[in-house]
Amino acid sequence: MSLTPLTTNQDLDPARLREAFGIFPSGVVAVAAEVQGRLVGLAASSFTSVSLDPPLVSFSVANTSKTWPDLRRAAHLGLSVLADHHGQACRQLAGPVAERFAGLDVTRTEDGAVTLDDALVRYDTSIHEEVVAGDHTIVLLRLHGVQHRSEHTDASLPLVFHRSGFGRLEVS
């Protein structure tokens, strides 16, 4: 087996890195809450499970986000794992603030977590810790509740973000 050495620096410009990072597909979640009487939310393609004990998940948000400073003030955050039919809802959650929840059916908990009613999985969380990591912040979230609808497992698959576009998994 022959190994080609990896070059450094010349491949690390932002455009090429974005392209390389985009080769790895990821699921997409909506992160939302009610803050001072209004719904605030964003879409994130960096969601991952972290720990079972304590129950933790995470996502990353750009340090330039104008939504995160408001959203992080909420006592609880709702996370909704988006299904393959949520492409338009995802674009909406990344679009103009006033239109992010237009036409979306959502549920709000007593603590202010907001989730999409037809999500594959819905989590009630609170911020456990924030870690600044370069141009993003990694947000660790403590789970307080989870709702997984088993009827979704056969009918819907998760929305997948891959190479700057949305798609779906192929199950064989």
N, C-alpha and C. Protein backbone atom coordinates (compact mmCIF):
# COMPACT_ATOMS: atom_id res chain seq x y z
N MET A 1 0.85 -1.16 0.00
CA MET A 1 0.00 0.00 0.00
C MET A 1 0.90 1.23 0.00
N SER A 2 0.59 2.16 -0.88
CA SER A 2 1.38 3.38 -0.93
C SER A 2 0.58 4.50 -0.27
N LEU A 3 1.26 5.30 0.50
CA LEU A 3 0.63 6.42 1.18
C LEU A 3 1.13 7.73 0.60
N THR A 4 0.20 8.57 0.25
CA THR A 4 0.55 9.90 -0.22
C THR A 4 0.47 10.84 0.96
N PRO A 5 1.53 11.57 1.23
CA PRO A 5 1.46 12.47 2.38
C PRO A 5 0.41 13.57 2.16
N LEU A 6 -0.24 13.93 3.24
CA LEU A 6 -1.22 15.02 3.19
C LEU A 6 -0.48 16.34 3.23
N THR A 7 -0.86 17.24 2.36
CA THR A 7 -0.24 18.55 2.37
C THR A 7 -0.97 19.43 3.37
N THR A 8 -0.29 20.43 3.88
CA THR A 8 -0.92 21.33 4.83
C THR A 8 -0.94 22.74 4.26
N ASN A 9 -1.69 23.57 4.90
CA ASN A 9 -1.86 24.98 4.58
C ASN A 9 -2.48 25.24 3.21
N GLN A 10 -1.95 24.71 2.12
CA GLN A 10 -2.49 25.02 0.81
C GLN A 10 -3.92 24.52 0.65
N ASP A 11 -4.34 23.50 1.41
CA ASP A 11 -5.69 22.97 1.30
C ASP A 11 -6.63 23.54 2.37
N LEU A 12 -6.16 24.46 3.17
CA LEU A 12 -6.96 24.92 4.29
C LEU A 12 -7.63 26.27 4.08
N ASP A 13 -7.72 26.72 2.84
CA ASP A 13 -8.45 27.97 2.63
C ASP A 13 -9.94 27.70 2.86
N PRO A 14 -10.71 28.70 3.33
CA PRO A 14 -12.11 28.48 3.72
C PRO A 14 -12.99 27.85 2.64
N ALA A 15 -12.85 28.24 1.40
CA ALA A 15 -13.71 27.67 0.35
C ALA A 15 -13.44 26.18 0.17
N ARG A 16 -12.18 25.78 0.17
CA ARG A 16 -11.86 24.36 0.01
C ARG A 16 -12.23 23.57 1.26
N LEU A 17 -12.06 24.18 2.43
CA LEU A 17 -12.47 23.49 3.66
C LEU A 17 -13.97 23.28 3.68
N ARG A 18 -14.75 24.29 3.31
CA ARG A 18 -16.21 24.16 3.28
C ARG A 18 -16.60 23.00 2.36
N GLU A 19 -15.95 22.92 1.21
CA GLU A 19 -16.22 21.84 0.27
C GLU A 19 -15.87 20.49 0.88
N ALA A 20 -14.71 20.40 1.54
CA ALA A 20 -14.29 19.13 2.16
C ALA A 20 -15.22 18.75 3.31
N PHE A 21 -15.58 19.72 4.16
CA PHE A 21 -16.49 19.43 5.27
C PHE A 21 -17.84 18.97 4.75
N GLY A 22 -18.29 19.51 3.62
CA GLY A 22 -19.59 19.19 3.06
C GLY A 22 -19.71 17.78 2.52
N ILE A 23 -18.60 17.10 2.35
CA ILE A 23 -18.65 15.73 1.86
C ILE A 23 -19.26 14.79 2.89
N PHE A 24 -19.11 15.15 4.17
CA PHE A 24 -19.68 14.32 5.24
C PHE A 24 -21.11 14.77 5.49
N PRO A 25 -22.10 13.90 5.25
CA PRO A 25 -23.50 14.30 5.45
C PRO A 25 -23.84 14.41 6.93
N SER A 26 -24.79 15.28 7.24
CA SER A 26 -25.24 15.43 8.62
C SER A 26 -26.74 15.61 8.64
N GLY A 27 -27.33 15.29 9.77
CA GLY A 27 -28.75 15.54 9.96
C GLY A 27 -28.96 17.02 10.26
N VAL A 28 -30.22 17.42 10.30
CA VAL A 28 -30.55 18.83 10.53
C VAL A 28 -31.58 18.91 11.65
N VAL A 29 -31.38 19.87 12.56
CA VAL A 29 -32.33 20.11 13.63
C VAL A 29 -32.78 21.56 13.62
N ALA A 30 -33.96 21.78 14.14
CA ALA A 30 -34.44 23.13 14.44
C ALA A 30 -34.19 23.34 15.93
N VAL A 31 -33.63 24.49 16.28
CA VAL A 31 -33.41 24.87 17.67
C VAL A 31 -34.30 26.07 17.91
N ALA A 32 -35.24 25.97 18.88
CA ALA A 32 -36.22 27.04 19.02
C ALA A 32 -36.71 27.19 20.45
N ALA A 33 -37.17 28.40 20.75
CA ALA A 33 -37.73 28.70 22.07
C ALA A 33 -38.62 29.93 21.95
N GLU A 34 -39.43 30.13 22.98
CA GLU A 34 -40.16 31.37 23.10
C GLU A 34 -39.33 32.29 23.99
N VAL A 35 -38.98 33.46 23.47
CA VAL A 35 -38.16 34.42 24.20
C VAL A 35 -38.93 35.74 24.24
N GLN A 36 -39.28 36.17 25.43
CA GLN A 36 -40.03 37.41 25.62
C GLN A 36 -41.27 37.48 24.73
N GLY A 37 -42.02 36.37 24.70
CA GLY A 37 -43.28 36.33 24.00
C GLY A 37 -43.22 36.11 22.50
N ARG A 38 -42.03 35.92 21.95
CA ARG A 38 -41.95 35.66 20.50
C ARG A 38 -41.14 34.39 20.23
N LEU A 39 -41.47 33.72 19.14
CA LEU A 39 -40.77 32.51 18.76
C LEU A 39 -39.44 32.88 18.10
N VAL A 40 -38.37 32.23 18.56
CA VAL A 40 -37.03 32.46 18.04
C VAL A 40 -36.46 31.10 17.69
N GLY A 41 -35.83 30.98 16.50
CA GLY A 41 -35.28 29.69 16.13
C GLY A 41 -34.30 29.77 15.01
N LEU A 42 -33.59 28.66 14.82
CA LEU A 42 -32.61 28.54 13.75
C LEU A 42 -32.50 27.07 13.36
N ALA A 43 -31.89 26.84 12.22
CA ALA A 43 -31.62 25.48 11.76
C ALA A 43 -30.13 25.21 11.95
N ALA A 44 -29.80 24.00 12.37
CA ALA A 44 -28.40 23.63 12.59
C ALA A 44 -28.13 22.25 12.00
N SER A 45 -27.02 22.14 11.28
CA SER A 45 -26.67 20.85 10.67
C SER A 45 -25.49 20.20 11.39
N SER A 46 -25.25 20.63 12.62
CA SER A 46 -24.11 20.11 13.37
C SER A 46 -24.53 19.38 14.64
N PHE A 47 -25.76 18.89 14.68
CA PHE A 47 -26.29 18.20 15.85
C PHE A 47 -25.62 16.84 16.04
N THR A 48 -25.34 16.50 17.29
CA THR A 48 -24.83 15.16 17.59
C THR A 48 -25.14 14.79 19.04
N SER A 49 -25.26 13.50 19.28
CA SER A 49 -25.40 13.02 20.65
C SER A 49 -24.01 13.08 21.29
N VAL A 50 -23.97 13.30 22.60
CA VAL A 50 -22.70 13.45 23.30
C VAL A 50 -22.55 12.45 24.43
N SER A 51 -23.56 12.34 25.30
CA SER A 51 -23.41 11.53 26.51
C SER A 51 -24.76 10.98 26.95
N LEU A 52 -24.74 9.76 27.50
CA LEU A 52 -25.95 9.18 28.09
C LEU A 52 -26.07 9.53 29.56
N ASP A 53 -24.92 9.70 30.24
CA ASP A 53 -24.92 9.99 31.67
C ASP A 53 -23.87 11.04 32.00
N PRO A 54 -24.24 12.32 32.12
CA PRO A 54 -25.59 12.84 32.01
C PRO A 54 -26.03 12.90 30.55
N PRO A 55 -27.34 12.97 30.31
CA PRO A 55 -27.83 13.01 28.93
C PRO A 55 -27.53 14.37 28.29
N LEU A 56 -26.61 14.36 27.30
CA LEU A 56 -26.18 15.59 26.63
C LEU A 56 -26.19 15.41 25.12
N VAL A 57 -26.53 16.48 24.42
CA VAL A 57 -26.41 16.57 22.97
C VAL A 57 -25.71 17.89 22.68
N SER A 58 -25.34 18.10 21.40
CA SER A 58 -24.71 19.37 21.07
C SER A 58 -25.05 19.79 19.65
N PHE A 59 -24.84 21.07 19.39
CA PHE A 59 -24.86 21.61 18.05
C PHE A 59 -23.89 22.79 18.05
N SER A 60 -23.52 23.25 16.88
CA SER A 60 -22.62 24.41 16.76
C SER A 60 -23.36 25.54 16.07
N VAL A 61 -23.00 26.75 16.46
CA VAL A 61 -23.62 27.94 15.88
C VAL A 61 -22.51 28.94 15.56
N ALA A 62 -22.64 29.60 14.43
CA ALA A 62 -21.65 30.60 14.02
C ALA A 62 -21.62 31.73 15.03
N ASN A 63 -20.42 32.20 15.34
CA ASN A 63 -20.28 33.32 16.27
C ASN A 63 -20.91 34.60 15.72
N THR A 64 -21.16 34.64 14.43
CA THR A 64 -21.77 35.81 13.80
C THR A 64 -23.31 35.74 13.80
N SER A 65 -23.87 34.65 14.34
CA SER A 65 -25.33 34.50 14.35
C SER A 65 -25.99 35.67 15.07
N LYS A 66 -27.01 36.22 14.44
CA LYS A 66 -27.78 37.28 15.08
C LYS A 66 -28.94 36.69 15.89
N THR A 67 -29.25 35.42 15.67
CA THR A 67 -30.33 34.75 16.39
C THR A 67 -29.87 34.17 17.71
N TRP A 68 -28.67 33.60 17.75
CA TRP A 68 -28.21 32.91 18.95
C TRP A 68 -28.19 33.80 20.20
N PRO A 69 -27.77 35.06 20.14
CA PRO A 69 -27.79 35.87 21.36
C PRO A 69 -29.18 35.96 22.01
N ASP A 70 -30.24 36.00 21.21
CA ASP A 70 -31.60 35.99 21.75
C ASP A 70 -32.00 34.61 22.23
N LEU A 71 -31.74 33.60 21.41
CA LEU A 71 -32.15 32.23 21.71
C LEU A 71 -31.49 31.71 22.98
N ARG A 72 -30.26 32.06 23.20
CA ARG A 72 -29.53 31.53 24.37
C ARG A 72 -30.06 32.07 25.69
N ARG A 73 -30.90 33.09 25.66
CA ARG A 73 -31.49 33.64 26.88
C ARG A 73 -32.67 32.81 27.38
N ALA A 74 -33.16 31.88 26.57
CA ALA A 74 -34.31 31.06 26.96
C ALA A 74 -33.93 30.08 28.06
N ALA A 75 -34.88 29.82 28.96
CA ALA A 75 -34.65 28.84 30.03
C ALA A 75 -34.48 27.44 29.44
N HIS A 76 -35.28 27.11 28.45
CA HIS A 76 -35.20 25.81 27.78
C HIS A 76 -35.23 26.03 26.27
N LEU A 77 -34.56 25.13 25.56
CA LEU A 77 -34.55 25.15 24.10
C LEU A 77 -35.17 23.86 23.60
N GLY A 78 -35.98 23.96 22.56
CA GLY A 78 -36.51 22.78 21.92
C GLY A 78 -35.65 22.42 20.72
N LEU A 79 -35.36 21.14 20.57
CA LEU A 79 -34.65 20.65 19.38
C LEU A 79 -35.58 19.71 18.66
N SER A 80 -35.73 19.91 17.36
CA SER A 80 -36.58 19.06 16.52
C SER A 80 -35.72 18.44 15.45
N VAL A 81 -35.65 17.11 15.42
CA VAL A 81 -34.92 16.42 14.35
C VAL A 81 -35.81 16.47 13.13
N LEU A 82 -35.33 17.14 12.08
CA LEU A 82 -36.15 17.36 10.89
C LEU A 82 -36.19 16.12 10.00
N ALA A 83 -37.36 15.89 9.41
CA ALA A 83 -37.57 14.75 8.51
C ALA A 83 -37.29 15.17 7.07
N ASP A 84 -37.19 14.19 6.20
CA ASP A 84 -36.85 14.47 4.80
C ASP A 84 -37.85 15.38 4.09
N HIS A 85 -39.06 15.50 4.63
CA HIS A 85 -40.05 16.41 4.03
C HIS A 85 -39.94 17.85 4.57
N HIS A 86 -38.96 18.11 5.45
CA HIS A 86 -38.82 19.43 6.06
C HIS A 86 -37.85 20.37 5.34
N GLY A 87 -37.50 20.10 4.10
CA GLY A 87 -36.57 20.97 3.38
C GLY A 87 -36.99 22.42 3.37
N GLN A 88 -38.26 22.68 3.07
CA GLN A 88 -38.76 24.05 3.04
C GLN A 88 -38.77 24.66 4.44
N ALA A 89 -39.16 23.89 5.44
CA ALA A 89 -39.16 24.39 6.83
C ALA A 89 -37.74 24.76 7.26
N CYS A 90 -36.77 23.98 6.84
CA CYS A 90 -35.38 24.27 7.17
C CYS A 90 -34.92 25.57 6.54
N ARG A 91 -35.26 25.76 5.27
CA ARG A 91 -34.91 27.02 4.59
C ARG A 91 -35.59 28.21 5.27
N GLN A 92 -36.82 27.99 5.69
CA GLN A 92 -37.58 29.03 6.37
C GLN A 92 -36.90 29.41 7.69
N LEU A 93 -36.44 28.41 8.44
CA LEU A 93 -35.78 28.66 9.72
C LEU A 93 -34.42 29.35 9.55
N ALA A 94 -33.90 29.34 8.35
CA ALA A 94 -32.64 30.03 8.07
C ALA A 94 -32.89 31.36 7.37
N GLY A 95 -34.15 31.68 7.13
CA GLY A 95 -34.51 32.88 6.37
C GLY A 95 -34.86 34.07 7.25
N PRO A 96 -35.66 34.98 6.71
CA PRO A 96 -36.05 36.19 7.44
C PRO A 96 -36.71 35.85 8.78
N VAL A 97 -36.29 36.54 9.83
CA VAL A 97 -36.72 36.26 11.20
C VAL A 97 -38.24 36.27 11.35
N ALA A 98 -38.91 37.23 10.76
CA ALA A 98 -40.36 37.37 10.92
C ALA A 98 -41.14 36.22 10.30
N GLU A 99 -40.53 35.48 9.36
CA GLU A 99 -41.24 34.42 8.64
C GLU A 99 -40.81 33.01 9.05
N ARG A 100 -39.93 32.88 10.02
CA ARG A 100 -39.36 31.57 10.35
C ARG A 100 -40.38 30.53 10.78
N PHE A 101 -41.44 30.93 11.43
CA PHE A 101 -42.41 29.94 11.92
C PHE A 101 -43.76 30.01 11.20
N ALA A 102 -43.84 30.80 10.14
CA ALA A 102 -45.09 30.94 9.39
C ALA A 102 -45.53 29.59 8.83
N GLY A 103 -46.74 29.18 9.19
CA GLY A 103 -47.31 27.95 8.67
C GLY A 103 -46.78 26.67 9.31
N LEU A 104 -45.88 26.77 10.28
CA LEU A 104 -45.34 25.58 10.95
C LEU A 104 -46.14 25.30 12.22
N ASP A 105 -46.52 24.04 12.41
CA ASP A 105 -47.21 23.64 13.63
C ASP A 105 -46.17 23.34 14.70
N VAL A 106 -46.24 24.10 15.80
CA VAL A 106 -45.25 23.95 16.86
C VAL A 106 -45.95 23.78 18.21
N THR A 107 -45.19 23.23 19.16
CA THR A 107 -45.64 23.09 20.53
C THR A 107 -44.63 23.78 21.43
N ARG A 108 -45.13 24.48 22.44
CA ARG A 108 -44.29 25.18 23.40
C ARG A 108 -44.48 24.54 24.77
N THR A 109 -43.37 24.23 25.47
CA THR A 109 -43.46 23.70 26.83
C THR A 109 -43.65 24.84 27.82
N GLU A 110 -43.97 24.51 29.06
CA GLU A 110 -44.10 25.53 30.11
C GLU A 110 -42.82 26.33 30.28
N ASP A 111 -41.67 25.69 30.03
CA ASP A 111 -40.37 26.34 30.20
C ASP A 111 -39.91 27.09 28.95
N GLY A 112 -40.74 27.09 27.89
CA GLY A 112 -40.44 27.87 26.70
C GLY A 112 -39.77 27.16 25.56
N ALA A 113 -39.49 25.86 25.69
CA ALA A 113 -38.91 25.09 24.57
C ALA A 113 -39.97 24.97 23.47
N VAL A 114 -39.57 25.19 22.22
CA VAL A 114 -40.48 25.11 21.08
C VAL A 114 -39.99 24.03 20.14
N THR A 115 -40.91 23.13 19.75
CA THR A 115 -40.56 22.05 18.82
C THR A 115 -41.60 21.97 17.71
N LEU A 116 -41.17 21.45 16.56
CA LEU A 116 -42.08 21.21 15.45
C LEU A 116 -42.89 19.96 15.74
N ASP A 117 -44.20 20.05 15.56
CA ASP A 117 -45.09 18.95 15.91
C ASP A 117 -44.79 17.67 15.13
N ASP A 118 -44.39 17.80 13.88
CA ASP A 118 -44.18 16.60 13.06
C ASP A 118 -42.71 16.21 12.93
N ALA A 119 -41.88 16.63 13.88
CA ALA A 119 -40.46 16.26 13.87
C ALA A 119 -40.31 14.76 14.15
N LEU A 120 -39.21 14.19 13.69
CA LEU A 120 -38.95 12.77 13.96
C LEU A 120 -38.72 12.54 15.45
N VAL A 121 -37.97 13.44 16.07
CA VAL A 121 -37.70 13.39 17.50
C VAL A 121 -37.77 14.82 18.01
N ARG A 122 -38.32 15.00 19.21
CA ARG A 122 -38.38 16.32 19.83
C ARG A 122 -37.71 16.24 21.20
N TYR A 123 -36.81 17.19 21.45
CA TYR A 123 -36.07 17.23 22.71
C TYR A 123 -36.38 18.52 23.45
N ASP A 124 -36.50 18.43 24.76
CA ASP A 124 -36.57 19.59 25.65
C ASP A 124 -35.21 19.66 26.33
N THR A 125 -34.51 20.79 26.17
CA THR A 125 -33.13 20.90 26.65
C THR A 125 -32.90 22.24 27.34
N SER A 126 -31.76 22.32 28.01
CA SER A 126 -31.27 23.61 28.52
C SER A 126 -29.77 23.64 28.28
N ILE A 127 -29.22 24.82 28.24
CA ILE A 127 -27.79 24.96 27.98
C ILE A 127 -26.99 24.43 29.16
N HIS A 128 -26.11 23.50 28.87
CA HIS A 128 -25.21 22.92 29.87
C HIS A 128 -23.89 23.69 29.87
N GLU A 129 -23.37 23.97 28.67
CA GLU A 129 -22.11 24.69 28.54
C GLU A 129 -21.95 25.18 27.11
N GLU A 130 -21.24 26.28 26.94
CA GLU A 130 -20.89 26.79 25.63
C GLU A 130 -19.37 26.84 25.54
N VAL A 131 -18.84 26.35 24.41
CA VAL A 131 -17.40 26.32 24.20
C VAL A 131 -17.10 27.05 22.89
N VAL A 132 -16.38 28.16 22.97
CA VAL A 132 -15.99 28.87 21.77
C VAL A 132 -14.93 28.04 21.06
N ALA A 133 -15.17 27.78 19.78
CA ALA A 133 -14.26 26.96 18.98
C ALA A 133 -14.06 27.63 17.63
N GLY A 134 -13.08 28.49 17.53
CA GLY A 134 -12.83 29.21 16.29
C GLY A 134 -13.96 30.15 15.97
N ASP A 135 -14.50 30.04 14.74
CA ASP A 135 -15.57 30.95 14.33
C ASP A 135 -16.96 30.45 14.70
N HIS A 136 -17.04 29.37 15.48
CA HIS A 136 -18.31 28.82 15.95
C HIS A 136 -18.27 28.65 17.47
N THR A 137 -19.44 28.43 18.05
CA THR A 137 -19.56 28.06 19.45
C THR A 137 -20.25 26.70 19.50
N ILE A 138 -19.65 25.78 20.23
CA ILE A 138 -20.25 24.46 20.45
C ILE A 138 -21.15 24.60 21.67
N VAL A 139 -22.42 24.27 21.49
CA VAL A 139 -23.40 24.40 22.57
C VAL A 139 -23.74 22.99 23.06
N LEU A 140 -23.37 22.71 24.31
CA LEU A 140 -23.73 21.44 24.94
C LEU A 140 -25.07 21.64 25.64
N LEU A 141 -26.02 20.75 25.38
CA LEU A 141 -27.36 20.87 25.92
C LEU A 141 -27.69 19.67 26.81
N ARG A 142 -28.28 19.94 27.95
CA ARG A 142 -28.74 18.90 28.88
C ARG A 142 -30.17 18.53 28.51
N LEU A 143 -30.44 17.24 28.36
CA LEU A 143 -31.80 16.78 28.01
C LEU A 143 -32.69 16.72 29.24
N HIS A 144 -33.92 17.20 29.08
CA HIS A 144 -34.92 17.11 30.14
C HIS A 144 -36.09 16.23 29.71
N GLY A 145 -36.27 16.09 28.41
CA GLY A 145 -37.36 15.27 27.91
C GLY A 145 -37.13 14.95 26.45
N VAL A 146 -37.70 13.83 26.03
CA VAL A 146 -37.57 13.42 24.63
C VAL A 146 -38.88 12.76 24.21
N GLN A 147 -39.29 13.03 22.99
CA GLN A 147 -40.45 12.36 22.43
C GLN A 147 -40.06 11.83 21.05
N HIS A 148 -40.14 10.53 20.92
CA HIS A 148 -39.81 9.85 19.66
C HIS A 148 -41.07 9.14 19.20
N ARG A 149 -41.54 9.53 18.04
CA ARG A 149 -42.76 8.91 17.53
C ARG A 149 -42.40 7.71 16.69
N SER A 150 -42.73 6.54 17.18
CA SER A 150 -42.34 5.30 16.50
C SER A 150 -42.97 5.17 15.12
N GLU A 151 -44.13 5.77 14.89
CA GLU A 151 -44.74 5.65 13.56
C GLU A 151 -43.93 6.37 12.49
N HIS A 152 -43.04 7.28 12.88
CA HIS A 152 -42.20 7.97 11.91
C HIS A 152 -41.10 7.07 11.36
N THR A 153 -40.70 6.06 12.11
CA THR A 153 -39.54 5.27 11.71
C THR A 153 -39.72 4.59 10.36
N ASP A 154 -40.93 4.17 10.03
CA ASP A 154 -41.15 3.52 8.75
C ASP A 154 -41.49 4.51 7.64
N ALA A 155 -42.16 5.60 8.00
CA ALA A 155 -42.67 6.52 6.99
C ALA A 155 -41.70 7.63 6.62
N SER A 156 -40.92 8.14 7.56
CA SER A 156 -40.06 9.28 7.30
C SER A 156 -38.62 9.00 7.67
N LEU A 157 -37.76 9.60 6.94
CA LEU A 157 -36.33 9.52 7.20
C LEU A 157 -35.83 10.91 7.53
N PRO A 158 -34.66 11.02 8.16
CA PRO A 158 -34.17 12.35 8.52
C PRO A 158 -33.75 13.16 7.30
N LEU A 159 -33.90 14.48 7.43
CA LEU A 159 -33.39 15.40 6.44
C LEU A 159 -31.87 15.37 6.54
N VAL A 160 -31.20 15.31 5.40
CA VAL A 160 -29.74 15.23 5.38
C VAL A 160 -29.18 16.44 4.65
N PHE A 161 -28.18 17.06 5.26
CA PHE A 161 -27.48 18.18 4.63
C PHE A 161 -26.16 17.63 4.10
N HIS A 162 -25.96 17.76 2.77
CA HIS A 162 -24.78 17.18 2.13
C HIS A 162 -24.39 18.05 0.95
N ARG A 163 -23.12 18.46 0.91
CA ARG A 163 -22.61 19.30 -0.17
C ARG A 163 -23.48 20.53 -0.41
N SER A 164 -23.82 21.20 0.68
CA SER A 164 -24.59 22.45 0.67
C SER A 164 -26.01 22.30 0.15
N GLY A 165 -26.54 21.10 0.19
CA GLY A 165 -27.92 20.88 -0.24
C GLY A 165 -28.62 19.88 0.66
N PHE A 166 -29.93 19.77 0.52
CA PHE A 166 -30.72 18.84 1.32
C PHE A 166 -31.04 17.60 0.53
N GLY A 167 -31.07 16.48 1.23
CA GLY A 167 -31.39 15.21 0.59
C GLY A 167 -31.98 14.26 1.60
N ARG A 168 -32.01 13.01 1.23
CA ARG A 168 -32.55 11.98 2.13
C ARG A 168 -31.67 10.75 2.06
N LEU A 169 -31.77 9.95 3.08
CA LEU A 169 -31.03 8.70 3.13
C LEU A 169 -31.71 7.67 2.23
N GLU A 170 -30.95 6.77 1.72
CA GLU A 170 -31.49 5.63 1.01
C GLU A 170 -31.31 4.42 1.92
N VAL A 171 -32.39 3.81 2.30
CA VAL A 171 -32.33 2.65 3.20
C VAL A 171 -32.47 1.39 2.35
N SER A 172 -31.55 0.47 2.56
CA SER A 172 -31.64 -0.78 1.77
C SER A 172 -31.99 -1.95 2.64
